[in-house]
Protein backbone atom coordinates (compact mmCIF):
# COMPACT_ATOMS: atom_id res chain seq x y z
CA THR A 1 -8.48 14.21 -40.90
CA MET A 2 -12.07 14.32 -42.13
CA SER A 3 -14.57 15.49 -39.48
CA MET A 4 -17.64 13.39 -38.68
CA SER A 5 -19.93 16.04 -40.16
CA ARG A 6 -18.12 15.88 -43.54
CA MET A 7 -17.97 12.08 -43.73
CA PRO A 8 -20.12 10.36 -46.33
CA GLN A 9 -23.37 9.19 -44.77
CA GLY A 10 -22.48 5.47 -45.03
CA GLU A 11 -19.13 5.94 -43.30
CA ARG A 12 -20.70 8.11 -40.63
CA ARG A 13 -23.36 5.47 -39.92
CA HIS A 14 -20.65 2.80 -39.83
CA GLY A 15 -18.65 4.83 -37.29
CA VAL A 16 -21.69 5.27 -35.04
CA VAL A 17 -22.50 1.56 -35.21
CA LEU A 18 -18.87 0.63 -34.46
CA LYS A 19 -18.82 2.89 -31.38
CA ALA A 20 -22.10 1.38 -30.20
CA ILE A 21 -20.69 -2.14 -30.57
CA VAL A 22 -17.55 -1.21 -28.60
CA LEU A 23 -19.62 0.38 -25.82
CA CYS A 24 -21.92 -2.62 -25.73
CA CYS A 25 -18.96 -4.98 -25.39
CA LEU A 26 -17.56 -2.93 -22.51
CA LEU A 27 -20.91 -2.87 -20.72
CA CYS A 28 -21.27 -6.62 -21.21
CA GLN A 29 -17.81 -7.10 -19.76
CA LEU A 30 -18.72 -5.11 -16.66
CA THR A 31 -22.10 -6.85 -16.33
CA LEU A 32 -20.44 -10.26 -16.50
CA ALA A 33 -17.82 -9.35 -13.90
CA ALA A 34 -19.92 -10.66 -11.00
CA PRO A 35 -20.48 -14.19 -12.36
CA LEU A 36 -16.90 -14.23 -13.64
CA HIS A 37 -15.44 -13.66 -10.17
CA LYS A 38 -17.63 -16.50 -8.84
CA LYS A 39 -16.24 -18.83 -11.50
CA LEU A 40 -12.69 -17.73 -10.70
CA ARG A 41 -13.31 -18.32 -6.98
CA ARG A 42 -14.64 -21.84 -7.60
CA ARG A 43 -11.59 -22.60 -9.72
CA LEU A 44 -9.26 -21.40 -6.95
CA ASP A 45 -11.11 -23.35 -4.25
CA GLU A 46 -10.92 -26.52 -6.34
CA GLN A 47 -7.25 -26.11 -7.24
CA ASP A 48 -5.06 -28.76 -5.61
CA ASP A 49 -1.49 -27.59 -5.13
CA ASP A 50 -0.23 -30.41 -2.86
CA LEU A 51 1.03 -27.78 -0.38
CA PRO A 52 0.58 -28.09 3.39
CA LYS A 53 -2.74 -26.60 4.43
CA ASP A 54 -1.36 -25.06 7.62
CA LEU A 55 1.08 -22.52 6.15
CA ASN A 56 1.68 -19.46 8.32
CA MET A 57 1.45 -16.41 6.06
CA LEU A 58 1.99 -12.67 6.68
CA VAL A 59 0.58 -9.95 4.39
CA LEU A 60 1.91 -6.37 4.42
CA GLY A 61 0.71 -3.65 2.07
CA GLY A 62 -1.64 -0.73 1.47
CA SER A 63 -5.34 -0.42 0.71
CA GLN A 64 -5.20 -3.02 -2.07
CA SER A 65 -3.98 -5.75 0.30
CA TRP A 66 -6.34 -4.45 2.98
CA GLY A 67 -9.28 -4.99 0.62
CA ALA A 68 -10.57 -1.44 0.07
CA THR A 69 -13.92 -1.01 -1.82
CA LEU A 70 -14.79 -4.72 -1.51
CA LYS A 71 -18.23 -5.49 -0.11
CA ASN A 72 -16.74 -8.12 2.17
CA ARG A 73 -12.98 -7.90 2.46
CA SER A 74 -12.94 -10.71 5.05
CA THR A 75 -13.87 -13.17 2.28
CA GLU A 76 -13.07 -11.41 -1.03
CA SER A 77 -9.54 -10.01 -0.59
CA PHE A 78 -6.62 -12.04 -1.90
CA ALA A 79 -5.41 -12.38 1.70
CA ALA A 80 -8.80 -13.83 2.70
CA ILE A 81 -8.81 -16.22 -0.25
CA LEU A 82 -5.35 -17.48 0.70
CA SER A 83 -6.41 -17.69 4.33
CA LYS A 84 -9.28 -20.01 3.45
CA LYS A 85 -6.94 -22.12 1.33
CA TYR A 86 -4.35 -22.44 4.10
CA SER A 87 -6.41 -23.07 7.25
CA ASN A 88 -6.96 -19.44 8.31
CA ASN A 89 -3.30 -19.00 9.16
CA VAL A 90 -2.91 -15.70 7.24
CA LEU A 91 -2.16 -12.54 9.23
CA ASN A 92 -3.16 -9.47 7.19
CA GLU A 93 -1.37 -6.39 8.56
CA ALA A 94 -1.98 -4.14 5.54
CA ILE A 95 -2.72 -0.47 6.32
CA ARG A 96 -4.68 1.77 3.97
CA ALA A 97 -3.00 4.74 2.28
CA THR A 98 0.42 3.54 3.45
CA GLY A 99 3.65 2.83 1.62
CA SER A 100 6.65 0.73 2.59
CA ASP A 101 8.19 3.37 4.89
CA TYR A 102 5.95 2.67 7.90
CA PRO A 103 6.25 -1.16 8.00
CA SER A 104 9.97 -0.99 7.26
CA HIS A 105 10.41 0.90 10.56
CA CYS A 106 7.59 -0.74 12.52
CA VAL A 107 7.04 -4.31 11.33
CA GLN A 108 7.81 -5.80 14.75
CA SER A 109 5.22 -3.57 16.45
CA MET A 110 2.68 -4.35 13.73
CA ILE A 111 2.96 -8.09 14.30
CA GLY A 112 3.22 -7.76 18.08
CA PHE A 113 2.31 -10.78 20.19
CA ARG A 114 1.16 -12.68 17.09
CA ASP A 115 4.76 -13.16 16.04
CA MET A 116 5.05 -16.71 14.72
CA THR A 117 7.41 -18.47 12.36
CA PHE A 118 6.01 -17.42 9.00
CA ASP A 119 6.37 -19.75 6.05
CA VAL A 120 5.31 -17.15 3.45
CA ILE A 121 5.44 -13.33 3.56
CA LEU A 122 3.70 -11.17 0.96
CA PHE A 123 4.18 -7.41 0.61
CA GLU A 124 2.63 -4.92 -1.81
CA PHE A 125 3.71 -1.27 -2.04
CA SER A 126 3.67 -0.42 -5.76
CA LEU A 127 1.10 2.39 -5.45
CA ASN A 128 1.76 4.28 -2.19
CA GLY A 129 5.55 4.30 -2.10
CA HIS A 130 7.96 1.40 -2.59
CA GLU A 131 11.17 3.23 -1.66
CA ASN A 132 11.75 1.48 1.70
CA THR A 133 10.90 -2.00 0.47
CA GLU A 134 14.53 -3.11 0.51
CA MET A 135 14.94 -2.23 4.18
CA LEU A 136 11.70 -4.08 4.94
CA ALA A 137 12.93 -7.14 3.02
CA ARG A 138 16.25 -6.96 4.90
CA ARG A 139 14.49 -6.89 8.29
CA LEU A 140 12.10 -9.69 7.34
CA ARG A 141 14.90 -11.89 6.02
CA ALA A 142 16.89 -11.36 9.25
CA ARG A 143 13.88 -12.31 11.40
CA TYR A 144 12.52 -15.10 9.17
CA PRO A 145 15.54 -16.52 7.32
CA ASP A 146 13.59 -19.44 5.80
CA ALA A 147 10.36 -17.65 4.78
CA ILE A 148 9.30 -17.49 1.14
CA LEU A 149 9.19 -13.75 0.32
CA ILE A 150 6.87 -12.61 -2.50
CA TYR A 151 6.52 -9.02 -3.66
CA VAL A 152 3.08 -8.32 -5.17
CA HIS A 153 3.35 -5.73 -7.95
CA LEU A 154 0.07 -4.00 -8.79
CA TYR A 155 -0.96 -0.96 -10.82
CA SER A 156 -3.89 1.46 -10.95
CA PHE A 157 -6.07 1.42 -14.05
CA GLN A 158 -7.17 5.03 -13.59
CA VAL A 159 -3.56 6.21 -13.31
CA ASP A 160 -1.90 4.04 -15.94
CA VAL A 161 -4.29 4.61 -18.87
CA GLU A 162 -4.60 7.83 -20.87
CA ASP A 163 -7.16 9.28 -23.25
CA PRO A 164 -6.18 10.52 -26.74
CA ASP A 165 -5.11 13.85 -25.16
CA GLY A 166 -2.64 12.05 -22.89
CA VAL A 167 -4.66 12.69 -19.70
CA THR A 168 -5.51 9.99 -17.15
CA PRO A 169 -9.01 9.37 -15.76
CA PHE A 170 -7.56 10.16 -12.32
CA TYR A 171 -6.69 13.74 -13.28
CA ARG A 172 -9.90 14.25 -15.22
CA GLN A 173 -11.86 12.71 -12.34
CA ASN A 174 -13.94 11.10 -15.06
CA LYS A 175 -14.41 7.41 -15.92
CA ASP A 176 -15.85 7.49 -19.44
CA LEU A 177 -16.35 4.16 -21.22
CA ASN A 178 -16.69 5.94 -24.57
CA VAL A 179 -13.05 7.08 -24.54
CA GLU A 180 -10.42 5.16 -26.48
CA TYR A 181 -7.83 4.65 -23.74
CA HIS A 182 -4.27 3.45 -24.19
CA TRP A 183 -1.51 2.53 -21.75
CA GLY A 184 0.20 5.82 -20.86
CA LYS A 185 3.49 7.06 -19.50
CA ASN A 186 2.69 5.82 -15.99
CA GLU A 187 2.88 2.28 -17.34
CA ARG A 188 6.58 2.92 -17.92
CA VAL A 189 6.92 4.23 -14.35
CA SER A 190 5.22 1.08 -13.08
CA ASN A 191 7.50 -1.10 -15.19
CA ASN A 192 10.55 0.66 -13.77
CA VAL A 193 9.30 -0.01 -10.24
CA PHE A 194 8.85 -3.66 -11.21
CA LYS A 195 12.45 -3.89 -12.45
CA GLU A 196 13.69 -2.23 -9.26
CA MET A 197 11.72 -4.63 -7.07
CA ARG A 198 12.90 -7.62 -9.07
CA ILE A 199 16.50 -6.68 -8.20
CA VAL A 200 15.58 -6.31 -4.52
CA MET A 201 13.79 -9.66 -4.40
CA ARG A 202 16.69 -11.45 -6.07
CA LYS A 203 19.03 -9.92 -3.48
CA TYR A 204 16.97 -11.37 -0.63
CA ASP A 205 16.15 -14.68 -2.33
CA GLY A 206 12.54 -13.67 -2.93
CA HIS A 207 10.03 -13.75 -5.76
CA ILE A 208 7.76 -11.26 -7.51
CA TYR A 209 4.20 -11.50 -8.81
CA ALA A 210 2.89 -8.90 -11.29
CA LEU A 211 -0.76 -8.23 -12.05
CA PRO A 212 -1.18 -8.88 -15.80
CA ARG A 213 -1.92 -6.19 -18.38
CA HIS A 214 -3.87 -6.91 -21.53
CA THR A 215 -2.74 -5.45 -24.85
CA HIS A 216 -6.31 -4.23 -25.37
CA VAL A 217 -6.55 -1.84 -22.45
CA MET A 218 -10.22 -2.26 -21.60
CA ASN A 219 -9.75 -6.02 -21.24
CA SER A 220 -7.94 -5.24 -17.98
CA LEU A 221 -10.80 -3.22 -16.49
CA PHE A 222 -12.65 -6.21 -15.00
CA MET A 223 -9.81 -6.60 -12.49
CA PHE A 224 -10.64 -3.20 -10.94
CA GLY A 225 -13.53 -1.89 -8.89
CA PRO A 226 -15.85 1.04 -9.65
CA ASP A 227 -13.11 3.57 -8.79
CA TRP A 228 -10.80 2.02 -11.44
CA HIS A 229 -8.06 1.97 -8.82
CA HIS A 230 -8.67 -0.72 -6.22
CA LEU A 231 -8.93 -4.36 -7.21
CA SER A 232 -12.33 -5.91 -7.86
CA PRO A 233 -13.23 -9.35 -6.46
CA SER A 234 -12.04 -10.81 -9.78
CA GLY A 235 -8.78 -8.87 -9.48
CA HIS A 236 -8.18 -10.23 -5.98
CA GLN A 237 -8.84 -13.76 -7.22
CA ILE A 238 -6.36 -13.35 -10.05
CA VAL A 239 -3.71 -12.12 -7.56
CA ALA A 240 -4.45 -15.04 -5.21
CA GLY A 241 -4.18 -17.48 -8.12
CA GLY A 242 -0.86 -15.98 -9.21
CA ILE A 243 0.57 -16.28 -5.69
CA MET A 244 -0.63 -19.88 -5.45
CA ASN A 245 1.13 -20.65 -8.74
CA ILE A 246 4.40 -19.22 -7.41
CA LEU A 247 4.06 -21.27 -4.22
CA LYS A 248 3.33 -24.40 -6.21
CA GLU A 249 6.55 -23.84 -8.16
CA VAL A 250 8.96 -22.86 -5.36
CA ALA A 251 7.57 -24.48 -2.21
CA PRO A 252 8.81 -28.03 -2.95
CA THR A 253 12.42 -26.81 -2.69
CA GLN A 254 12.12 -23.72 -0.44
CA LEU A 255 9.45 -24.58 2.14
CA LYS A 256 11.07 -25.73 5.40
CA LYS A 257 9.45 -28.19 7.79
CA GLU A 258 10.97 -26.36 10.76
CA PRO A 259 11.68 -22.78 9.65
CA ARG A 260 14.07 -20.79 11.80
CA LYS A 261 13.33 -17.55 13.61
CA GLY A 262 16.10 -14.95 13.69
CA SER A 263 16.47 -11.57 15.42
CA TRP A 264 14.69 -8.21 15.23
CA GLY A 265 18.00 -6.54 16.02
CA GLY A 266 17.38 -3.33 17.94
CA GLY A 267 13.64 -3.77 17.43
CA ASP A 268 11.01 -1.07 17.10
CA GLN A 269 8.45 0.59 19.34
CA CYS A 270 5.62 2.19 17.34
CA VAL A 271 2.29 3.66 18.42
CA ASN A 272 -0.19 4.08 15.55
CA TRP A 273 -3.78 5.40 15.76
CA PHE A 274 -4.38 5.79 12.01
CA MET A 275 -6.93 2.96 11.71
CA ASP A 276 -8.92 3.27 14.95
CA GLY A 277 -8.33 6.74 16.44
CA ARG A 278 -7.22 5.37 19.83
CA ILE A 279 -4.11 7.20 21.03
CA PRO A 280 -2.53 6.08 24.32
CA LEU A 281 -0.02 8.94 24.39
CA GLU A 282 -0.41 12.20 26.31
CA HIS A 283 -0.79 15.23 24.04
CA THR A 284 -1.05 18.92 24.90
CA GLY A 285 -1.90 22.30 23.39
CA LYS A 286 -4.10 22.78 20.32
CA SER A 287 -4.28 19.08 19.48
CA GLU A 288 -7.28 16.82 18.96
CA ILE A 289 -8.12 13.46 17.44
CA SER A 290 -10.04 13.84 14.19
CA SER A 291 -11.34 11.62 11.43
CA PHE A 292 -11.26 12.49 7.75
CA GLU A 293 -12.36 10.85 4.55
CA GLY A 294 -9.67 9.10 2.58
CA PHE A 295 -9.47 7.86 -1.00
CA GLY A 296 -12.39 5.54 -1.84
CA GLY A 297 -14.70 6.90 0.88
CA SER A 298 -12.97 5.21 3.84
CA TYR A 299 -12.27 7.12 7.07
CA LYS A 300 -8.93 7.49 8.81
CA PHE A 301 -7.80 9.08 12.07
CA ALA A 302 -5.07 11.51 13.03
CA LEU A 303 -3.96 13.74 15.88
CA GLN A 304 -4.27 17.16 14.29
CA PHE A 305 -2.60 20.37 15.43
CA LYS A 306 -4.29 23.70 14.75
CA GLY A 307 -1.63 25.48 16.77
CA PRO A 308 1.33 24.75 19.08
CA GLY A 309 1.19 21.52 21.05
CA SER A 310 3.18 18.43 21.97
CA ILE A 311 3.16 14.63 22.27
CA ILE A 312 4.72 12.84 25.25
CA PHE A 313 6.21 9.36 24.73
CA THR A 314 8.72 6.98 26.35
CA ASN A 315 11.79 5.32 24.88
CA GLU A 316 11.98 1.97 26.66
CA LYS A 317 15.52 1.26 25.42
CA ASP A 318 18.61 2.18 27.42
CA PHE A 319 20.17 3.93 24.41
CA ASP A 320 19.23 6.72 22.00
CA VAL A 321 17.13 5.49 19.06
CA PRO A 322 16.06 7.13 15.78
CA LEU A 323 12.71 8.90 16.15
CA TYR A 324 10.19 8.88 13.30
CA ILE A 325 6.70 10.23 12.93
CA SER A 326 4.01 9.20 10.47
CA TYR A 327 1.86 12.02 9.11
CA MET A 328 -0.62 12.75 6.35
CA THR A 329 0.44 14.25 3.04
CA LYS A 330 -1.52 15.60 0.11
CA SER A 331 -1.23 18.23 -2.61
CA GLU A 332 -3.45 20.64 -0.66
CA ASN A 333 -2.05 23.33 1.57
CA TYR A 334 -0.71 21.70 4.73
CA PRO A 335 1.37 24.07 6.89
CA LEU A 336 5.11 24.05 7.29
CA VAL A 337 5.70 22.67 10.79
CA GLU A 338 8.55 23.14 13.25
CA LEU A 339 9.25 19.92 15.16
CA THR A 340 11.44 19.99 18.28
CA VAL A 341 12.75 17.11 20.38
CA ASP A 342 15.59 17.25 22.90
CA ASP A 343 16.11 20.96 22.02
CA LYS A 344 16.83 20.14 18.36
CA SER A 345 14.43 21.45 15.71
CA ILE A 346 13.66 20.71 12.07
CA THR A 347 11.09 22.10 9.64
CA LEU A 348 8.78 19.62 7.90
CA ASN A 349 6.72 20.25 4.75
CA PRO A 350 3.80 17.77 4.51
CA LYS A 351 2.63 19.07 1.12
CA THR A 352 3.38 16.69 -1.77
CA TRP A 353 2.19 15.98 -5.30
CA TRP A 354 -0.28 13.32 -4.08
CA LEU A 355 -3.88 14.16 -5.01
CA ARG A 356 -5.12 11.77 -2.33
CA HIS A 357 -4.21 11.32 1.33
CA VAL A 358 -1.13 9.15 1.82
CA MET A 359 0.62 8.48 5.13
CA GLN A 360 4.36 9.05 5.06
CA THR A 361 7.01 8.28 7.68
CA LYS A 362 10.11 10.39 8.25
CA GLN A 363 12.95 10.54 10.76
CA ILE A 364 12.79 13.80 12.72
CA GLY A 365 15.48 13.23 15.36
CA TRP A 366 16.61 10.85 18.11
CA ALA A 367 14.79 9.84 21.30
CA LYS A 368 16.79 9.59 24.51
CA PRO A 369 16.05 6.80 27.04
CA GLY A 370 12.98 7.47 29.16
CA ARG A 371 10.49 10.33 28.80
CA ASN A 372 10.55 12.48 25.63
CA GLU A 373 8.47 15.41 24.45
CA LEU A 374 7.91 16.18 20.77
CA LYS A 375 6.85 19.81 20.29
CA ILE A 376 4.79 20.69 17.20
CA ASN A 377 4.38 24.26 15.99
CA PRO A 378 2.64 25.05 12.65
CA LYS A 379 4.47 28.01 11.08
CA THR A 380 2.41 28.94 8.00
CA GLU A 381 -1.22 29.34 6.98
CA TRP A 382 -3.04 26.14 6.09
CA GLN A 383 -6.16 24.67 4.52
CA LEU A 384 -5.64 21.35 6.31
CA PRO A 385 -4.18 21.14 9.86
CA PHE A 386 -0.99 19.16 10.41
CA ARG A 387 -1.98 15.53 11.05
CA ILE A 388 0.18 12.98 12.89
CA THR A 389 -0.82 9.31 12.76
CA ALA A 390 2.02 7.52 14.60
CA VAL A 391 5.13 7.99 16.73
CA ASN A 392 7.82 5.43 15.91
CA LEU A 393 11.07 4.50 17.65
CA CYS A 394 13.25 2.29 15.47
CA GLY A 395 16.25 0.74 17.23
CA ALA A 396 16.58 -1.71 14.34
CA CYS A 397 17.22 1.22 12.00
CA ILE A 398 20.67 1.59 13.53
CA ASP A 399 21.46 -1.86 12.13
CA PHE A 400 19.38 -1.91 8.95
CA GLN A 401 19.09 1.65 7.58
CA ASP A 402 21.97 3.23 5.67
CA ASP A 403 20.80 6.86 5.55
CA LEU A 404 20.10 7.77 9.20
CA GLU A 405 20.26 11.46 10.09
CA SER A 406 22.39 12.44 13.07
CA TYR A 407 20.58 15.77 13.77
CA GLU A 408 23.56 17.04 15.75
C-alpha cells in the first residue's frame, strides 16, 4: 500500500478533498438532525392508524426506554410519543441501567396499584441483559392473556461499530467522525439476540420490532445522541413509528374490546431504592445510602456496605419464597461478599466485564414467613463498596422460573 507521503501530488490532493467531503457530509447530517426529528414528529402526529385512542400501554426496559440523555424525556421518548398518540394511557416503568432480570422477578411490584388491563405491552432489554426476558414474557402473558406483546430490539452505535483496527468507539472512549467505521463483531452478537428474542416472542404470541441499520454505517448515526449509545429524539421517533406500524398491522385481529386479566401466581414483593434513594427497610452496621454517577451522567442510588452490616425485611407470605437482591456490577474492583440469611451463606462476586454500572438481580436464598435478616460481609479489598439497590421476594418464581436454587 502506497503511503500518503509517496502518493503523486494529484492523488494526494484528491484524497484530502475526498476526506473533507465525507467529513462535511457527516457534519451536515448531524446539523440537520434537529429539524429532521421535528419533521418525523409531525409525520407521526399526523399519522392516522384507525386504532382506538384510549389504549392502555405498559413500557418496561432500561435507560433507552426511560429516555436517557434526552432534553425532555416526558415529550421526546418513544413512550411519551405513544402516550400522546393514545390519550396519555402509557405507563412507563423503565429503569435505567437495568436488564430483564429485575422486572422478570418484580413486575407486579413495579406496576403496583396502577395495575390495569393493558392492551399493549412493550419491553426492551437488548443492551443491559436479555436473559430473563422469557420468564418476563411468561408472567406477563399469564397476567394479561389478551395483551399485544412487542419486544423492542435496539443496539448501541458506539458498541456495534469498529474502526479499521477492529476497536469500538466505546473501548477507545473516542467518537471521531474522521474514522472509517464499519459494522463490527458486536453486530453479530446483536443479531443473535434478535433471533433468540424472535423465538421467545413467537412462543408467547408476541411481536418484535428492530431498530434499522443502514448499510453505510454513518447513515445510522442520526438515530443516536451525543454519546453514540442512547437514542436521539429522531431515534425515539423512528422506534415509535415502527411500533405504530406493528399495531396498525396486528391490532385489527388481536386487539380485544374487553381484554381479560389473569393471575400473578405467587406474586412478588420488591423494595427498590435505585431511582430515588428512599429505603423503607431497617439497615445496620457499616451501611449508608449513597449516590453515584452512572453511564451518561445520570445519578443512581444504592445502600453501600463498607464493612459488615445487615438489612431487615418481612416476608408477608405464609410460605418460604425465593429471595433475590439487586446490586451494582462493573469491571472495577468490587469486593467478594458473604451473604447470610436463615443461617445459610453464599459468596457473591459483583465484578463483571461491564465497563459501565449495570444493576443485576440474583437469587441468594429463601425468605421464611415473617421477619428476616440479610447479613452482608465484604471479604476482600475493594475500590468500590458493595452496593445493594433492591430486596426482592418472588413467590411467582416458584411457578414461573425453572432454575431456582434450593440453598439447602
